[in-house]
Amino acid sequence: MTSFQGARAFRHRNYRLFFAGQAISLVGTWMQQVAQGWLVLQLTHDPLWLGIVSVAQFGPVIIFGLFGGVIADQLPKRKTLIATQTTAMLLAFALFALTATHVVQVWHVMVLGALLGISNAVDMPARQSFAVEMVGRDDVANAVGLNSALFNASRVLGPAAAGLLIGAFDISIAFLINGISFVAVIIGYLAMRDSELRPVAPIARPRSFGAVVENLAEGARYVRSTPMVLLAVTIVGLVATFGMNFQVLIPPLADSVLNVGASGYGFLMAASGIGSTIAALWVAFSRRPSPSVIATGAIALGLGSVVLALSSAFGLSLLAMAIAGAGGIAMAVTANTTIQLSVPDQLRGRVMSVYTTVFAGSVPAGGLLMGAIAGAWGVPLALMVGALLSLACGVGGWLWLRRLQPATRRLRAGSLAAADIGAIDPEGRSAGVIGRARPR
């Protein structure tokens, strides 16, 4: 019975197509992430540049992310995702061409990263909010957990494969494989049946700049006035800023501290993926994850990062990466699920855009900060600073949750009041585990 509950989203054909396409594409995505970090480090020999490239890639998500949420609430999500995935595929092929011909420079990586960031500003909220249209409200929590498990399972194979390929062949092959992998997910979207989707009625299209601003503000007001959603967004944003900067800090850690090269870098990222996958599967197979996991995950990430900062042994560093990865993803997936269970249908794209904008915005901010610290005082100190701040956020999250404890107990019982996280639908009927609520 438990295994069936953990896989109930697979009852839906459209979700099976989505999952299969993502299973191939995400491996390529993680290969590119690892290869790009190593490429920038080899071009510049300065971890600060990893942070600068991170700003170029994720900065557009901060600027345009909330507008992406408005788009996600208005346009057909399946067609929108086909367009964004096609764009990402073409950008991957462009990076392959530049590296294969040995003309690539850091500014090329930054420009392509910025274009990918603009595409992701639309793709992220659309993809996050598309889950409920594929599986319905009853299975959306399971779908979110399975999505995250898949995303993090690809963090095992993708980085390890990239590290080995970079060591054995040319770095460009990772970008080529990523470009090809997008074909699978695009085919999956094309093969879906619109008749089996559960589309949400689109909101009225804003006709003026003021109307666009009001649409953005409506999603932000919901986050601010819904305590559990505000907690989830705040804790994830802070911890991601300070403690989840592995793309910036692990390449120089592998290169100059542990001296394990590109292959070792790939295996360190794969170890993080193993821990992340275990945590994501645990959330997926949990009938209803407790919001307390948001704080617990932040603490686990901080403790793993403390060990990583102090370690000079490759084996211990692998274990620390697994612990940190498990904590970070347990926190993020539970936060995502908590928000999905809380948000009303017509606001889902905009509320998820707030979450993804905060999460993605933490990447350039934290990457630039930690890259600067690593460049000036060394990678171990940068890791330790991030670890201690993550621990502080986790403890703060626990104290915050104690104030919300009655609402937390009702969330676990599946009978939330609308005043807490919005589990009563507009007609006033009890919505059980997942409900619709009026934004306050």
Protein backbone atom coordinates (compact mmCIF):
# COMPACT_ATOMS: atom_id res chain seq x y z
CA MET A 1 0.00 0.00 0.00
CA THR A 2 2.83 2.38 0.85
CA SER A 3 4.54 1.87 -2.50
CA PHE A 4 1.26 2.48 -4.31
CA GLN A 5 0.70 5.69 -2.38
CA GLY A 6 4.23 6.77 -3.20
CA ALA A 7 3.64 6.32 -6.96
CA ARG A 8 0.02 7.34 -7.31
CA ALA A 9 0.85 10.24 -9.64
CA PHE A 10 1.84 7.64 -12.25
CA ARG A 11 -1.84 6.78 -12.68
CA HIS A 12 -2.00 9.77 -15.02
CA ARG A 13 -0.74 9.24 -18.58
CA ASN A 14 0.32 12.86 -19.06
CA TYR A 15 2.41 12.73 -15.91
CA ARG A 16 4.09 9.51 -17.05
CA LEU A 17 5.10 11.26 -20.29
CA PHE A 18 6.36 14.26 -18.34
CA PHE A 19 8.35 12.08 -15.95
CA ALA A 20 9.94 10.00 -18.73
CA GLY A 21 11.02 13.08 -20.66
CA GLN A 22 12.41 14.75 -17.55
CA ALA A 23 14.29 11.58 -16.58
CA ILE A 24 16.43 11.94 -19.71
CA SER A 25 16.62 15.72 -19.92
CA LEU A 26 17.61 16.36 -16.31
CA VAL A 27 20.69 14.13 -16.58
CA GLY A 28 21.85 16.36 -19.42
CA THR A 29 21.02 19.47 -17.41
CA TRP A 30 23.22 18.36 -14.52
CA MET A 31 26.00 17.38 -16.89
CA GLN A 32 25.95 20.93 -18.26
CA GLN A 33 25.89 22.46 -14.77
CA VAL A 34 29.02 20.56 -13.75
CA ALA A 35 30.80 21.12 -17.06
CA GLN A 36 30.00 24.84 -17.07
CA GLY A 37 31.39 25.33 -13.57
CA TRP A 38 34.59 23.50 -14.46
CA LEU A 39 34.88 25.41 -17.73
CA VAL A 40 34.63 28.80 -16.01
CA LEU A 41 37.16 27.79 -13.36
CA GLN A 42 39.64 26.61 -16.01
CA LEU A 43 39.17 29.81 -18.02
CA THR A 44 39.61 32.18 -15.05
CA HIS A 45 41.21 30.24 -12.14
CA ASP A 46 39.16 32.43 -9.78
CA PRO A 47 36.07 31.24 -7.81
CA LEU A 48 34.70 34.80 -7.88
CA TRP A 49 34.02 34.36 -11.60
CA LEU A 50 31.80 31.38 -10.78
CA GLY A 51 29.69 33.75 -8.72
CA ILE A 52 29.66 36.36 -11.51
CA VAL A 53 28.50 33.80 -14.07
CA SER A 54 25.85 32.71 -11.57
CA VAL A 55 24.60 36.30 -11.42
CA ALA A 56 24.41 36.41 -15.22
CA GLN A 57 22.46 33.14 -15.37
CA PHE A 58 20.05 33.64 -12.48
CA GLY A 59 19.80 37.42 -12.39
CA PRO A 60 17.11 37.44 -15.13
CA VAL A 61 15.00 35.11 -12.99
CA ILE A 62 14.98 37.76 -10.27
CA ILE A 63 14.11 40.56 -12.69
CA PHE A 64 11.53 38.71 -14.78
CA GLY A 65 10.46 35.85 -12.48
CA LEU A 66 7.31 37.49 -11.15
CA PHE A 67 6.27 38.44 -14.70
CA GLY A 68 6.83 34.79 -15.60
CA GLY A 69 4.23 33.92 -12.99
CA VAL A 70 1.69 36.20 -14.65
CA ILE A 71 2.44 34.51 -17.99
CA ALA A 72 2.10 31.07 -16.37
CA ASP A 73 -1.38 31.98 -15.11
CA GLN A 74 -2.54 33.19 -18.55
CA LEU A 75 -1.02 31.05 -21.31
CA PRO A 76 -1.51 27.31 -21.93
CA LYS A 77 1.26 25.82 -19.80
CA ARG A 78 2.04 22.85 -22.06
CA LYS A 79 2.69 25.05 -25.12
CA THR A 80 4.62 27.55 -23.00
CA LEU A 81 6.89 24.77 -21.71
CA ILE A 82 7.52 23.46 -25.21
CA ALA A 83 8.75 26.94 -26.19
CA THR A 84 11.01 27.37 -23.14
CA GLN A 85 12.52 23.89 -23.46
CA THR A 86 13.23 24.44 -27.16
CA THR A 87 15.02 27.67 -26.27
CA ALA A 88 17.15 25.88 -23.66
CA MET A 89 18.04 23.19 -26.20
CA LEU A 90 19.27 25.73 -28.75
CA LEU A 91 21.37 27.51 -26.11
CA ALA A 92 23.01 24.22 -25.10
CA PHE A 93 23.93 23.52 -28.73
CA ALA A 94 25.41 27.02 -29.01
CA LEU A 95 27.65 26.40 -25.99
CA PHE A 96 28.69 23.06 -27.47
CA ALA A 97 29.70 24.76 -30.73
CA LEU A 98 31.77 27.38 -28.90
CA THR A 99 33.64 24.85 -26.78
CA ALA A 100 34.10 22.28 -29.54
CA THR A 101 35.78 24.91 -31.72
CA HIS A 102 37.89 26.12 -28.76
CA VAL A 103 36.84 29.74 -29.12
CA VAL A 104 34.75 29.94 -25.94
CA GLN A 105 35.35 32.83 -23.55
CA VAL A 106 33.82 33.70 -20.21
CA TRP A 107 31.61 36.39 -21.73
CA HIS A 108 30.12 33.78 -24.07
CA VAL A 109 29.11 31.70 -21.06
CA MET A 110 27.64 34.76 -19.37
CA VAL A 111 25.55 35.81 -22.40
CA LEU A 112 24.21 32.30 -22.98
CA GLY A 113 23.52 31.97 -19.27
CA ALA A 114 21.58 35.23 -19.25
CA LEU A 115 19.44 34.10 -22.19
CA LEU A 116 18.77 30.81 -20.41
CA GLY A 117 17.82 32.76 -17.30
CA ILE A 118 15.22 34.76 -19.25
CA SER A 119 13.73 31.51 -20.54
CA ASN A 120 13.77 29.98 -17.06
CA ALA A 121 11.94 32.99 -15.64
CA VAL A 122 8.90 31.72 -17.55
CA ASP A 123 9.69 28.01 -17.47
CA MET A 124 10.07 27.64 -13.70
CA PRO A 125 6.67 28.93 -12.49
CA ALA A 126 4.91 27.34 -15.47
CA ARG A 127 6.49 23.93 -14.81
CA GLN A 128 5.90 24.13 -11.05
CA SER A 129 2.23 25.00 -11.48
CA PHE A 130 1.71 22.51 -14.35
CA ALA A 131 1.86 19.58 -11.94
CA VAL A 132 -1.67 20.09 -10.66
CA GLU A 133 -3.01 20.20 -14.24
CA MET A 134 -1.41 16.83 -15.00
CA VAL A 135 -2.46 14.93 -11.88
CA GLY A 136 -5.19 16.92 -10.12
CA ARG A 137 -5.24 18.29 -6.62
CA ASP A 138 -5.40 14.93 -4.85
CA ASP A 139 -2.08 13.75 -6.30
CA VAL A 140 -0.16 17.01 -6.59
CA ALA A 141 1.84 16.51 -3.37
CA ASN A 142 2.98 13.11 -4.60
CA ALA A 143 3.85 14.55 -8.02
CA VAL A 144 5.96 17.32 -6.43
CA GLY A 145 7.84 14.76 -4.36
CA LEU A 146 8.42 12.48 -7.35
CA ASN A 147 9.55 15.43 -9.47
CA SER A 148 12.11 16.36 -6.84
CA ALA A 149 13.25 12.76 -6.44
CA LEU A 150 13.81 12.57 -10.19
CA PHE A 151 15.57 15.92 -10.25
CA ASN A 152 17.95 14.82 -7.53
CA ALA A 153 18.46 11.30 -8.86
CA SER A 154 19.75 12.97 -12.00
CA ARG A 155 22.25 14.77 -9.75
CA VAL A 156 23.88 11.38 -9.15
CA LEU A 157 24.28 10.23 -12.75
CA GLY A 158 24.72 13.64 -14.43
CA PRO A 159 27.66 15.02 -12.40
CA ALA A 160 29.45 11.67 -12.21
CA ALA A 161 29.12 11.17 -15.97
CA ALA A 162 30.22 14.74 -16.65
CA GLY A 163 33.29 14.38 -14.45
CA LEU A 164 34.34 11.18 -16.14
CA LEU A 165 33.67 12.52 -19.66
CA ILE A 166 35.56 15.76 -18.98
CA GLY A 167 38.50 13.76 -17.66
CA ALA A 168 38.51 11.31 -20.57
CA PHE A 169 37.38 13.48 -23.50
CA ASP A 170 36.64 17.12 -24.31
CA ILE A 171 34.38 19.24 -22.09
CA SER A 172 32.16 20.09 -25.07
CA ILE A 173 30.60 16.62 -25.09
CA ALA A 174 28.65 17.46 -21.93
CA PHE A 175 26.97 20.40 -23.65
CA LEU A 176 26.18 18.28 -26.73
CA ILE A 177 24.53 15.57 -24.64
CA ASN A 178 22.49 18.17 -22.78
CA GLY A 179 21.22 19.67 -26.03
CA ILE A 180 20.19 16.25 -27.36
CA SER A 181 18.49 15.35 -24.06
CA PHE A 182 15.93 18.15 -24.49
CA VAL A 183 14.42 16.22 -27.40
CA ALA A 184 12.97 13.69 -24.94
CA VAL A 185 11.12 16.21 -22.81
CA ILE A 186 9.82 18.12 -25.85
CA ILE A 187 8.46 14.89 -27.31
CA GLY A 188 6.81 14.15 -23.95
CA TYR A 189 5.00 17.50 -23.96
CA LEU A 190 3.92 17.04 -27.58
CA ALA A 191 2.49 13.57 -26.84
CA MET A 192 0.28 14.77 -23.97
CA ARG A 193 -3.49 14.86 -24.40
CA ASP A 194 -5.14 18.18 -23.65
CA SER A 195 -8.39 16.33 -22.91
CA GLU A 196 -6.73 14.67 -19.89
CA LEU A 197 -5.35 17.88 -18.42
CA ARG A 198 -7.18 19.73 -15.66
CA PRO A 199 -6.70 23.31 -16.86
CA VAL A 200 -7.36 26.18 -14.50
CA ALA A 201 -9.57 28.97 -15.83
CA PRO A 202 -7.22 31.74 -16.97
CA ILE A 203 -7.31 35.07 -15.21
CA ALA A 204 -8.33 38.16 -17.12
CA ARG A 205 -5.42 39.34 -19.23
CA PRO A 206 -4.07 42.65 -17.92
CA ARG A 207 -4.44 45.46 -20.46
CA SER A 208 -2.22 48.07 -18.83
CA PHE A 209 1.00 48.34 -16.85
CA GLY A 210 -1.04 49.06 -13.72
CA ALA A 211 -3.01 45.86 -14.23
CA VAL A 212 0.22 43.87 -14.60
CA VAL A 213 1.54 45.35 -11.35
CA GLU A 214 -1.71 44.48 -9.59
CA ASN A 215 -1.44 40.88 -10.80
CA LEU A 216 2.08 40.69 -9.41
CA ALA A 217 1.04 42.29 -6.14
CA GLU A 218 -1.82 39.82 -5.68
CA GLY A 219 0.57 36.86 -5.56
CA ALA A 220 2.97 38.71 -3.25
CA ARG A 221 0.12 39.69 -0.90
CA TYR A 222 -0.97 36.07 -0.65
CA VAL A 223 2.54 35.02 0.37
CA ARG A 224 2.86 37.83 2.91
CA SER A 225 -0.55 37.19 4.51
CA THR A 226 -0.37 33.37 4.66
CA PRO A 227 1.90 32.45 7.59
CA MET A 228 2.96 28.97 6.51
CA VAL A 229 3.71 30.07 2.94
CA LEU A 230 5.67 33.07 4.20
CA LEU A 231 7.72 30.80 6.47
CA ALA A 232 8.49 28.40 3.62
CA VAL A 233 9.55 31.15 1.22
CA THR A 234 11.65 32.99 3.82
CA ILE A 235 13.57 30.00 5.20
CA VAL A 236 14.31 28.54 1.77
CA GLY A 237 15.41 31.92 0.43
CA LEU A 238 17.81 32.59 3.31
CA VAL A 239 19.32 29.10 3.46
CA ALA A 240 19.70 28.92 -0.31
CA THR A 241 21.52 32.26 -0.22
CA PHE A 242 24.03 31.28 2.42
CA GLY A 243 24.29 27.50 2.35
CA MET A 244 23.43 26.15 -1.11
CA ASN A 245 26.32 27.52 -3.16
CA PHE A 246 27.88 24.22 -4.18
CA GLN A 247 28.08 25.17 -7.86
CA VAL A 248 30.41 28.02 -6.85
CA LEU A 249 32.39 26.45 -4.00
CA ILE A 250 32.81 22.79 -4.92
CA PRO A 251 34.85 23.27 -8.14
CA PRO A 252 37.67 25.12 -6.32
CA LEU A 253 37.31 22.77 -3.32
CA ALA A 254 37.93 19.78 -5.60
CA ASP A 255 40.67 21.53 -7.55
CA SER A 256 42.79 23.23 -4.89
CA VAL A 257 41.79 21.82 -1.47
CA LEU A 258 41.06 18.13 -2.04
CA ASN A 259 43.14 17.90 -5.24
CA VAL A 260 40.81 15.38 -6.88
CA GLY A 261 40.35 17.04 -10.30
CA ALA A 262 37.31 17.06 -12.56
CA SER A 263 36.37 13.45 -11.82
CA GLY A 264 36.47 14.04 -8.09
CA TYR A 265 34.37 17.19 -8.55
CA GLY A 266 31.78 15.14 -10.41
CA PHE A 267 31.66 12.54 -7.65
CA LEU A 268 31.30 15.20 -4.94
CA MET A 269 28.27 16.59 -6.75
CA ALA A 270 26.98 13.05 -7.27
CA ALA A 271 27.25 12.42 -3.52
CA SER A 272 25.09 15.46 -2.93
CA GLY A 273 22.66 13.99 -5.45
CA ILE A 274 22.49 10.69 -3.55
CA GLY A 275 21.56 12.44 -0.32
CA SER A 276 19.09 14.67 -2.16
CA THR A 277 17.42 11.72 -3.86
CA ILE A 278 16.94 9.85 -0.59
CA ALA A 279 15.39 12.93 1.00
CA ALA A 280 13.12 13.62 -2.00
CA LEU A 281 11.90 10.01 -2.08
CA TRP A 282 11.16 10.17 1.62
CA VAL A 283 9.00 13.25 1.04
CA ALA A 284 7.31 11.61 -1.97
CA PHE A 285 6.41 8.50 0.01
CA SER A 286 5.25 10.47 3.03
CA ARG A 287 1.53 10.90 2.94
CA ARG A 288 1.79 14.48 4.11
CA PRO A 289 5.22 15.94 4.99
CA SER A 290 5.32 18.08 8.11
CA PRO A 291 6.37 21.73 7.72
CA SER A 292 8.86 21.09 10.54
CA VAL A 293 11.04 19.37 7.93
CA ILE A 294 11.75 22.82 6.47
CA ALA A 295 13.66 23.77 9.64
CA THR A 296 15.15 20.30 10.17
CA GLY A 297 16.48 20.23 6.61
CA ALA A 298 18.15 23.62 7.06
CA ILE A 299 19.90 22.37 10.20
CA ALA A 300 21.05 19.17 8.47
CA LEU A 301 22.44 21.18 5.55
CA GLY A 302 24.32 23.39 7.98
CA LEU A 303 25.83 20.45 9.87
CA GLY A 304 26.91 18.72 6.66
CA SER A 305 28.54 21.93 5.46
CA VAL A 306 30.44 22.31 8.75
CA VAL A 307 31.97 18.87 8.22
CA LEU A 308 32.75 19.71 4.59
CA ALA A 309 34.50 22.94 5.61
CA LEU A 310 36.73 21.10 8.11
CA SER A 311 37.45 18.03 6.00
CA SER A 312 40.60 17.41 4.01
CA ALA A 313 39.74 13.76 3.25
CA PHE A 314 37.86 12.92 0.06
CA GLY A 315 35.79 10.13 1.64
CA LEU A 316 34.60 12.30 4.53
CA SER A 317 33.83 15.11 2.09
CA LEU A 318 31.63 12.76 0.06
CA LEU A 319 29.67 11.87 3.21
CA ALA A 320 29.34 15.54 4.15
CA MET A 321 28.03 16.37 0.68
CA ALA A 322 25.41 13.61 0.97
CA ILE A 323 24.21 14.96 4.34
CA ALA A 324 24.11 18.55 3.09
CA GLY A 325 22.29 17.50 -0.07
CA ALA A 326 19.69 15.54 1.89
CA GLY A 327 19.04 18.45 4.23
CA GLY A 328 18.78 21.04 1.50
CA ILE A 329 16.35 19.07 -0.62
CA ALA A 330 14.22 17.90 2.31
CA MET A 331 13.83 21.59 3.16
CA ALA A 332 13.12 22.76 -0.39
CA VAL A 333 10.71 19.96 -1.37
CA THR A 334 8.71 20.28 1.83
CA ALA A 335 8.50 24.03 1.31
CA ASN A 336 7.35 23.50 -2.28
CA THR A 337 4.73 20.98 -1.21
CA THR A 338 3.49 23.20 1.62
CA ILE A 339 2.97 26.04 -0.83
CA GLN A 340 1.27 23.80 -3.42
CA LEU A 341 -1.16 22.56 -0.77
CA SER A 342 -1.98 26.09 0.29
CA VAL A 343 -2.38 28.17 -2.84
CA PRO A 344 -5.68 28.74 -4.68
CA ASP A 345 -5.75 27.61 -8.30
CA GLN A 346 -5.97 31.03 -9.94
CA LEU A 347 -2.96 32.28 -7.96
CA ARG A 348 -0.74 29.23 -8.30
CA GLY A 349 1.49 30.52 -11.09
CA ARG A 350 2.04 33.88 -9.40
CA VAL A 351 2.63 32.44 -5.93
CA MET A 352 5.03 29.82 -7.31
CA SER A 353 6.80 32.60 -9.20
CA VAL A 354 7.40 34.35 -5.87
CA TYR A 355 8.87 31.12 -4.50
CA THR A 356 11.00 30.37 -7.57
CA THR A 357 12.14 33.99 -7.83
CA VAL A 358 13.27 34.00 -4.20
CA PHE A 359 14.91 30.58 -4.58
CA ALA A 360 16.60 31.43 -7.86
CA GLY A 361 17.47 34.92 -6.66
CA SER A 362 19.42 33.44 -3.78
CA VAL A 363 21.77 31.78 -6.27
CA PRO A 364 23.43 34.91 -7.70
CA ALA A 365 23.35 36.76 -4.38
CA GLY A 366 24.83 33.90 -2.40
CA GLY A 367 27.13 32.75 -5.20
CA LEU A 368 28.67 36.19 -5.58
CA LEU A 369 29.09 36.61 -1.81
CA MET A 370 30.57 33.17 -1.21
CA GLY A 371 32.70 33.36 -4.35
CA ALA A 372 34.20 36.63 -3.07
CA ILE A 373 34.88 35.12 0.37
CA ALA A 374 36.44 32.02 -1.20
CA GLY A 375 38.63 34.14 -3.49
CA ALA A 376 39.85 36.32 -0.62
CA TRP A 377 40.09 33.93 2.34
CA GLY A 378 39.69 30.43 0.95
CA VAL A 379 36.95 27.92 0.21
CA PRO A 380 36.84 26.30 3.70
CA LEU A 381 36.06 29.65 5.35
CA ALA A 382 33.34 30.39 2.79
CA LEU A 383 31.79 26.98 3.48
CA MET A 384 31.93 27.54 7.24
CA VAL A 385 30.27 30.96 7.00
CA GLY A 386 27.45 29.49 4.93
CA ALA A 387 27.12 26.53 7.29
CA LEU A 388 26.77 28.65 10.43
CA LEU A 389 24.26 30.98 8.82
CA SER A 390 22.22 27.99 7.60
CA LEU A 391 22.18 26.57 11.13
CA ALA A 392 20.98 29.94 12.43
CA CYS A 393 18.17 29.99 9.84
CA GLY A 394 17.15 26.46 10.79
CA VAL A 395 16.96 27.32 14.49
CA GLY A 396 15.03 30.48 13.64
CA GLY A 397 12.66 28.36 11.57
CA TRP A 398 12.01 26.09 14.55
CA LEU A 399 11.13 29.08 16.73
CA TRP A 400 8.84 30.44 14.02
CA LEU A 401 7.10 27.08 13.68
CA ARG A 402 6.47 26.94 17.43
CA ARG A 403 4.42 30.09 17.06
CA LEU A 404 2.48 28.45 14.22
CA GLN A 405 2.19 25.08 15.95
CA PRO A 406 -1.63 24.91 15.98
CA ALA A 407 -1.70 25.53 12.22
CA THR A 408 1.07 22.98 11.72
CA ARG A 409 -0.90 20.33 13.56
CA ARG A 410 -3.94 21.03 11.42
CA LEU A 411 -1.79 20.77 8.27
CA ARG A 412 -0.61 17.33 9.33
CA ALA A 413 -4.21 16.35 10.10
CA GLY A 414 -5.34 17.53 6.68
CA SER A 415 -7.99 19.92 7.98
CA LEU A 416 -6.53 23.37 7.68
CA ALA A 417 -8.57 26.46 8.32
CA ALA A 418 -8.59 29.09 5.61
CA ALA A 419 -7.17 31.60 8.07
CA ASP A 420 -4.05 29.48 8.44
CA ILE A 421 -3.02 28.31 4.96
CA GLY A 422 -6.20 28.48 2.93
CA ALA A 423 -7.76 25.03 2.77
CA ILE A 424 -11.36 26.10 2.15
CA ASP A 425 -12.46 26.56 -1.44
CA PRO A 426 -14.32 29.64 -2.72
CA GLU A 427 -17.71 27.98 -2.25
CA GLY A 428 -16.90 27.27 1.41
CA ARG A 429 -16.61 23.49 1.09
CA SER A 430 -13.91 21.68 3.02
CA ALA A 431 -11.09 20.84 0.64
CA GLY A 432 -9.36 18.22 2.78
CA VAL A 433 -5.68 17.91 2.16
CA ILE A 434 -5.55 20.39 -0.68
CA GLY A 435 -7.98 23.26 -0.94
CA ARG A 436 -8.57 26.56 -2.59
CA ALA A 437 -8.72 29.78 -0.68
CA ARG A 438 -9.39 33.41 -1.30
CA PRO A 439 -6.23 35.52 -1.21
CA ARG A 440 -6.45 37.81 1.78
